[in-house]
């Protein structure tokens, strides 16, 4: 599984940290957010957005329920309380309902026709689908539709909700590259825990074997174990046996990408001799630097 479709890894990780718009430098408290309230949303479009939103909410709830993870359940509650339905408006977004809390954020389900709303949305919809993404520069959590199992949709949404919650409650400097990468590490470790709980014993055996494969690949490349992110070239069919058959190439890319990160983090945990948690952040920094998706030039 070494060197798997790195471009897919880049796409999945890049959209959530896109710097295309800078309406808000960080996600502030709700009183500071730019609010544009829709007066007469199309009834058909509104119904489609609500349907897509509800599907993603239920996916997050199913992932939290299936794993029994307490933090996942807290994030579902945060999502339910604070996500405000919104739609594209020019190169911004406008709310479609009133806020319910002081920590609210934009939740934008994208539907057909949104590419006509503005250049930002047209470019986003023309890019490969990553399902769910959060942009800290704009405060928008965006979801799209594509065939994907509910469990995996829930996992990737909870990943993004964790980013939203952390940024709103902590207001950390996401434009500092290493702070950004440390937060990415923390969120991926949370996600890795969900994947492991969902996959059970069979997944544990699979990742143990993958770690050993990466040990061999690292030594062949004369790399210190855990020095750099290694990915695979093909989708491992074992994942379909563990999690059920993936519903699309999109889901296969999502699974492979996130499992690769889990395997690399485990490699660090087992073999890196220095500060393991910092090395995971450094590993992500190297990946993001090489692909040009850091929030600020290094």
Protein backbone atom coordinates (compact mmCIF):
# COMPACT_ATOMS: atom_id res chain seq x y z
CA UNK A 1 0.00 0.00 0.00
CA UNK A 2 2.97 2.36 -0.33
CA UNK A 3 2.58 5.64 -2.31
CA UNK A 4 -1.22 5.40 -2.86
CA UNK A 5 -2.63 8.15 -5.11
CA UNK A 6 -1.02 11.04 -3.27
CA UNK A 7 -3.09 13.49 -5.28
CA UNK A 8 -6.22 12.10 -3.64
CA UNK A 9 -4.66 12.62 -0.23
CA UNK A 10 -3.86 16.18 -1.19
CA UNK A 11 -7.40 16.86 -2.42
CA UNK A 12 -9.01 15.45 0.71
CA UNK A 13 -6.77 17.51 2.97
CA UNK A 14 -6.59 20.68 0.90
CA UNK A 15 -10.18 21.81 0.61
CA UNK A 16 -10.72 22.17 4.34
CA UNK A 17 -7.84 24.63 4.60
CA UNK A 18 -8.48 26.53 1.38
CA UNK A 19 -7.50 30.17 1.53
CA UNK A 20 -9.66 31.24 -1.39
CA UNK A 21 -11.65 33.76 0.68
CA UNK A 22 -10.66 35.71 3.75
CA UNK A 23 -13.94 37.24 4.95
CA UNK A 24 -13.07 36.25 8.51
CA UNK A 25 -9.51 35.72 9.75
CA UNK A 26 -10.61 33.26 12.43
CA UNK A 27 -14.05 31.99 13.35
CA UNK A 28 -15.11 34.54 15.96
CA UNK A 29 -18.07 34.51 18.27
CA UNK A 30 -21.36 34.78 16.43
CA UNK A 31 -21.77 38.49 17.10
CA UNK A 32 -18.78 39.18 14.83
CA UNK A 33 -19.80 36.97 11.93
CA UNK A 34 -21.00 38.59 8.70
CA UNK A 35 -24.68 37.70 8.47
CA UNK A 36 -26.77 37.90 5.31
CA UNK A 37 -30.25 36.51 5.91
CA UNK A 38 -32.21 35.08 3.00
CA UNK A 39 -35.65 36.63 2.66
CA UNK A 40 -37.24 34.37 0.05
CA UNK A 41 -35.26 31.15 -0.55
CA UNK A 42 -36.57 28.91 -3.32
CA UNK A 43 -38.91 26.34 -1.70
CA UNK A 44 -37.47 23.55 -3.85
CA UNK A 45 -33.86 24.51 -3.16
CA UNK A 46 -34.58 24.92 0.55
CA UNK A 47 -36.15 21.46 0.73
CA UNK A 48 -33.14 19.92 -1.03
CA UNK A 49 -30.71 21.64 1.35
CA UNK A 50 -32.66 20.50 4.38
CA UNK A 51 -32.76 16.94 3.06
CA UNK A 52 -29.01 16.89 2.46
CA UNK A 53 -28.32 18.49 5.83
CA UNK A 54 -30.53 15.96 7.63
CA UNK A 55 -28.79 13.06 5.87
CA UNK A 56 -25.35 14.28 7.00
CA UNK A 57 -26.60 14.90 10.55
CA UNK A 58 -27.96 11.36 10.72
CA UNK A 59 -24.65 10.03 9.37
CA UNK A 60 -22.77 11.77 12.18
CA UNK A 61 -25.22 10.39 14.72
CA UNK A 62 -24.84 6.87 13.31
CA UNK A 63 -21.03 7.05 13.45
CA UNK A 64 -21.16 8.27 17.05
CA UNK A 65 -23.68 5.58 18.00
CA UNK A 66 -21.81 2.78 16.20
CA UNK A 67 -18.52 3.62 17.90
CA UNK A 68 -19.95 4.54 21.31
CA UNK A 69 -17.38 7.33 21.44
CA UNK A 70 -18.20 9.97 24.07
CA UNK A 71 -16.42 12.80 22.25
CA UNK A 72 -18.21 11.92 19.01
CA UNK A 73 -21.53 12.15 20.83
CA UNK A 74 -20.57 15.56 22.25
CA UNK A 75 -19.70 16.75 18.75
CA UNK A 76 -23.06 15.55 17.43
CA UNK A 77 -24.75 17.62 20.14
CA UNK A 78 -22.55 20.61 19.21
CA UNK A 79 -23.50 20.17 15.56
CA UNK A 80 -27.22 19.96 16.29
CA UNK A 81 -27.16 23.02 18.52
CA UNK A 82 -24.90 25.34 16.54
CA UNK A 83 -25.09 24.54 12.81
CA UNK A 84 -27.15 27.17 10.96
CA UNK A 85 -28.48 26.22 7.54
CA UNK A 86 -27.09 28.55 4.87
CA UNK A 87 -26.86 28.84 1.09
CA UNK A 88 -24.38 30.41 -1.34
CA UNK A 89 -24.78 34.13 -1.92
CA UNK A 90 -22.31 35.66 -4.35
CA UNK A 91 -18.93 34.64 -2.99
CA UNK A 92 -20.31 34.52 0.54
CA UNK A 93 -23.18 32.67 2.22
CA UNK A 94 -26.46 33.77 3.75
CA UNK A 95 -28.36 32.14 6.59
CA UNK A 96 -31.69 30.43 6.07
CA UNK A 97 -32.69 30.20 9.71
CA UNK A 98 -32.15 31.97 13.01
CA UNK A 99 -29.22 31.14 15.26
CA UNK A 100 -29.88 28.99 18.32
CA UNK A 101 -26.72 29.69 20.29
CA UNK A 102 -23.73 32.02 20.65
CA UNK A 103 -21.41 29.48 19.00
CA UNK A 104 -23.31 29.09 15.75
CA UNK A 105 -21.64 28.52 12.40
CA UNK A 106 -22.64 28.33 8.75
CA UNK A 107 -23.64 24.85 7.48
CA UNK A 108 -23.92 24.92 3.67
CA UNK A 109 -25.29 21.86 1.83
CA UNK A 110 -24.40 22.33 -1.84
CA UNK A 111 -26.97 21.39 -4.48
CA UNK A 112 -27.24 21.56 -8.25
CA UNK A 113 -27.23 25.12 -9.49
CA UNK A 114 -25.02 26.51 -6.74
CA UNK A 115 -22.21 26.89 -9.25
CA UNK A 116 -24.14 29.89 -10.61
CA UNK A 117 -23.96 31.72 -7.28
CA UNK A 118 -20.41 33.02 -7.67
CA UNK A 119 -16.87 32.24 -8.75
CA UNK A 120 -15.94 30.69 -5.41
CA UNK A 121 -18.80 28.21 -5.57
CA UNK A 122 -18.22 27.41 -9.23
CA UNK A 123 -14.57 26.54 -8.52
CA UNK A 124 -15.51 24.51 -5.48
CA UNK A 125 -18.11 22.47 -7.34
CA UNK A 126 -15.70 21.91 -10.22
CA UNK A 127 -13.10 20.45 -7.85
CA UNK A 128 -13.07 16.80 -6.77
CA UNK A 129 -15.65 16.08 -4.10
CA UNK A 130 -14.38 15.62 -0.55
CA UNK A 131 -17.83 15.25 0.97
CA UNK A 132 -17.43 17.63 3.91
CA UNK A 133 -14.96 20.49 4.37
CA UNK A 134 -14.42 23.38 6.75
CA UNK A 135 -12.66 26.59 5.78
CA UNK A 136 -11.32 28.44 8.83
CA UNK A 137 -10.89 31.62 6.80
CA UNK A 138 -14.60 31.89 6.03
CA UNK A 139 -16.24 29.93 8.84
CA UNK A 140 -18.17 27.78 6.36
CA UNK A 141 -18.74 24.06 6.85
CA UNK A 142 -19.73 22.74 3.43
CA UNK A 143 -21.21 19.34 2.56
CA UNK A 144 -21.82 17.80 -0.84
CA UNK A 145 -23.60 14.72 -2.10
CA UNK A 146 -21.89 11.67 -3.54
CA UNK A 147 -22.42 7.95 -2.92
CA UNK A 148 -20.81 7.13 0.42
CA UNK A 149 -21.80 4.86 3.30
CA UNK A 150 -23.37 6.57 6.30
CA UNK A 151 -20.65 5.47 8.71
CA UNK A 152 -17.87 7.01 6.64
CA UNK A 153 -19.87 10.14 5.89
CA UNK A 154 -20.38 10.49 9.63
CA UNK A 155 -16.68 10.08 10.34
CA UNK A 156 -15.58 12.77 7.89
CA UNK A 157 -18.31 15.17 9.09
CA UNK A 158 -17.31 14.66 12.73
CA UNK A 159 -13.72 15.40 11.68
CA UNK A 160 -14.82 18.78 10.33
CA UNK A 161 -17.12 19.52 13.27
CA UNK A 162 -14.19 18.95 15.62
CA UNK A 163 -12.27 21.62 13.68
CA UNK A 164 -15.23 24.00 13.94
CA UNK A 165 -15.67 23.46 17.66
CA UNK A 166 -11.97 23.85 18.43
CA UNK A 167 -11.65 27.04 16.42
CA UNK A 168 -14.78 28.62 17.89
CA UNK A 169 -14.05 27.69 21.51
CA UNK A 170 -10.27 28.17 21.49
CA UNK A 171 -9.81 30.82 18.76
CA UNK A 172 -6.28 29.55 18.06
CA UNK A 173 -4.07 30.99 15.32
CA UNK A 174 -4.79 28.59 12.46
CA UNK A 175 -2.60 30.72 10.14
CA UNK A 176 0.51 29.66 12.07
CA UNK A 177 1.71 26.61 10.16
CA UNK A 178 2.77 24.42 13.05
CA UNK A 179 -0.27 25.33 15.14
CA UNK A 180 -2.39 24.38 12.14
CA UNK A 181 -0.57 21.03 11.77
CA UNK A 182 -0.80 20.24 15.49
CA UNK A 183 -4.55 20.80 15.37
CA UNK A 184 -4.78 18.59 12.27
CA UNK A 185 -2.86 15.92 14.16
CA UNK A 186 -5.28 16.12 17.09
CA UNK A 187 -8.33 15.85 14.87
CA UNK A 188 -6.87 12.94 12.90
CA UNK A 189 -6.10 11.09 16.13
CA UNK A 190 -9.73 11.55 17.14
CA UNK A 191 -10.83 10.27 13.73
CA UNK A 192 -8.39 7.35 13.87
CA UNK A 193 -10.01 6.30 17.13
CA UNK A 194 -13.44 6.28 15.49
CA UNK A 195 -12.18 4.23 12.53
CA UNK A 196 -10.57 1.70 14.88
CA UNK A 197 -13.75 1.36 16.96
CA UNK A 198 -15.84 0.96 13.83
CA UNK A 199 -13.47 -1.59 12.29
CA UNK A 200 -12.93 -3.71 15.38
CA UNK A 201 -10.47 -6.59 15.63
CA UNK A 202 -10.30 -7.18 11.89
CA UNK A 203 -9.24 -3.59 11.29
CA UNK A 204 -6.60 -3.86 14.02
CA UNK A 205 -5.06 -6.86 12.26
CA UNK A 206 -5.16 -5.03 8.94
CA UNK A 207 -3.37 -1.89 10.20
CA UNK A 208 -0.80 -3.98 12.07
CA UNK A 209 0.10 -5.62 8.76
CA UNK A 210 0.18 -2.25 7.01
CA UNK A 211 2.53 -0.82 9.62
CA UNK A 212 4.93 -3.66 8.94
CA UNK A 213 4.66 -3.01 5.20
CA UNK A 214 5.63 0.61 5.85
CA UNK A 215 8.57 -0.49 7.99
CA UNK A 216 9.93 -2.35 4.97
CA UNK A 217 9.18 0.53 2.60
CA UNK A 218 10.87 3.05 4.91
CA UNK A 219 13.99 0.95 5.13
CA UNK A 220 14.05 0.44 1.36
CA UNK A 221 13.88 4.23 0.95
CA UNK A 222 16.55 4.69 3.65
CA UNK A 223 14.11 6.74 5.77
CA UNK A 224 14.00 6.74 9.53
CA UNK A 225 10.86 4.96 10.66
CA UNK A 226 8.13 7.59 10.94
CA UNK A 227 10.19 10.30 9.24
CA UNK A 228 7.80 11.04 6.37
CA UNK A 229 4.24 10.23 5.33
CA UNK A 230 4.01 7.12 3.17
CA UNK A 231 0.88 6.20 1.22
CA UNK A 232 -0.24 3.33 -0.97
CA UNK A 233 -0.95 2.97 -4.69
CA UNK A 234 -4.12 0.88 -4.70
CA UNK A 235 -7.29 0.65 -2.70
CA UNK A 236 -6.94 -2.27 -0.25
CA UNK A 237 -9.91 -4.59 -0.81
CA UNK A 238 -9.68 -5.71 2.80
CA UNK A 239 -11.34 -2.42 3.76
CA UNK A 240 -14.52 -3.55 1.96
CA UNK A 241 -14.54 -6.71 4.06
CA UNK A 242 -14.12 -4.69 7.25
CA UNK A 243 -16.46 -1.76 6.61
CA UNK A 244 -18.73 -3.07 3.86
CA UNK A 245 -18.35 -2.44 0.14
CA UNK A 246 -17.56 1.20 -0.67
CA UNK A 247 -20.32 2.88 -2.65
CA UNK A 248 -18.10 4.84 -5.06
CA UNK A 249 -14.56 5.70 -6.09
CA UNK A 250 -15.05 8.79 -3.95
CA UNK A 251 -15.61 6.68 -0.85
CA UNK A 252 -12.66 4.44 -1.70
CA UNK A 253 -10.43 7.53 -1.90
CA UNK A 254 -11.76 8.81 1.44
CA UNK A 255 -11.20 5.49 3.17
CA UNK A 256 -7.72 4.95 1.73
CA UNK A 257 -6.59 8.47 2.59
CA UNK A 258 -7.72 8.43 6.20
CA UNK A 259 -6.53 4.88 6.83
CA UNK A 260 -3.10 5.79 5.46
CA UNK A 261 -2.84 8.59 8.01
CA UNK A 262 -3.85 6.20 10.78
CA UNK A 263 -1.17 3.71 9.69
CA UNK A 264 1.52 6.41 9.54
CA UNK A 265 0.61 7.68 13.00
CA UNK A 266 0.84 4.13 14.36
CA UNK A 267 4.26 3.79 12.75
CA UNK A 268 5.37 6.89 14.67
CA UNK A 269 3.85 5.59 17.91
CA UNK A 270 5.76 2.32 17.64
CA UNK A 271 9.12 3.36 16.23
CA UNK A 272 9.85 7.10 16.52
CA UNK A 273 12.40 7.69 19.26
CA UNK A 274 11.73 11.37 19.94
CA UNK A 275 8.55 13.30 20.75
CA UNK A 276 5.93 11.19 19.01
CA UNK A 277 3.07 13.70 19.05
CA UNK A 278 5.25 16.49 17.69
CA UNK A 279 6.59 14.18 14.98
CA UNK A 280 3.06 13.48 13.74
CA UNK A 281 2.55 17.23 13.34
CA UNK A 282 5.92 17.53 11.60
CA UNK A 283 4.94 14.68 9.29
CA UNK A 284 1.78 16.53 8.32
CA UNK A 285 3.73 19.77 7.91
CA UNK A 286 6.09 18.07 5.42
CA UNK A 287 3.14 16.71 3.49
CA UNK A 288 1.30 20.04 3.41
CA UNK A 289 4.47 21.96 2.51
CA UNK A 290 5.24 19.62 -0.40
CA UNK A 291 1.73 20.01 -1.77
CA UNK A 292 1.34 23.76 -1.20
CA UNK A 293 -1.68 23.64 1.09
CA UNK A 294 -0.30 25.20 4.26
CA UNK A 295 -2.36 28.20 5.43
CA UNK A 296 0.72 30.47 5.27
CA UNK A 297 3.92 30.22 3.18
CA UNK A 298 6.57 28.35 5.27
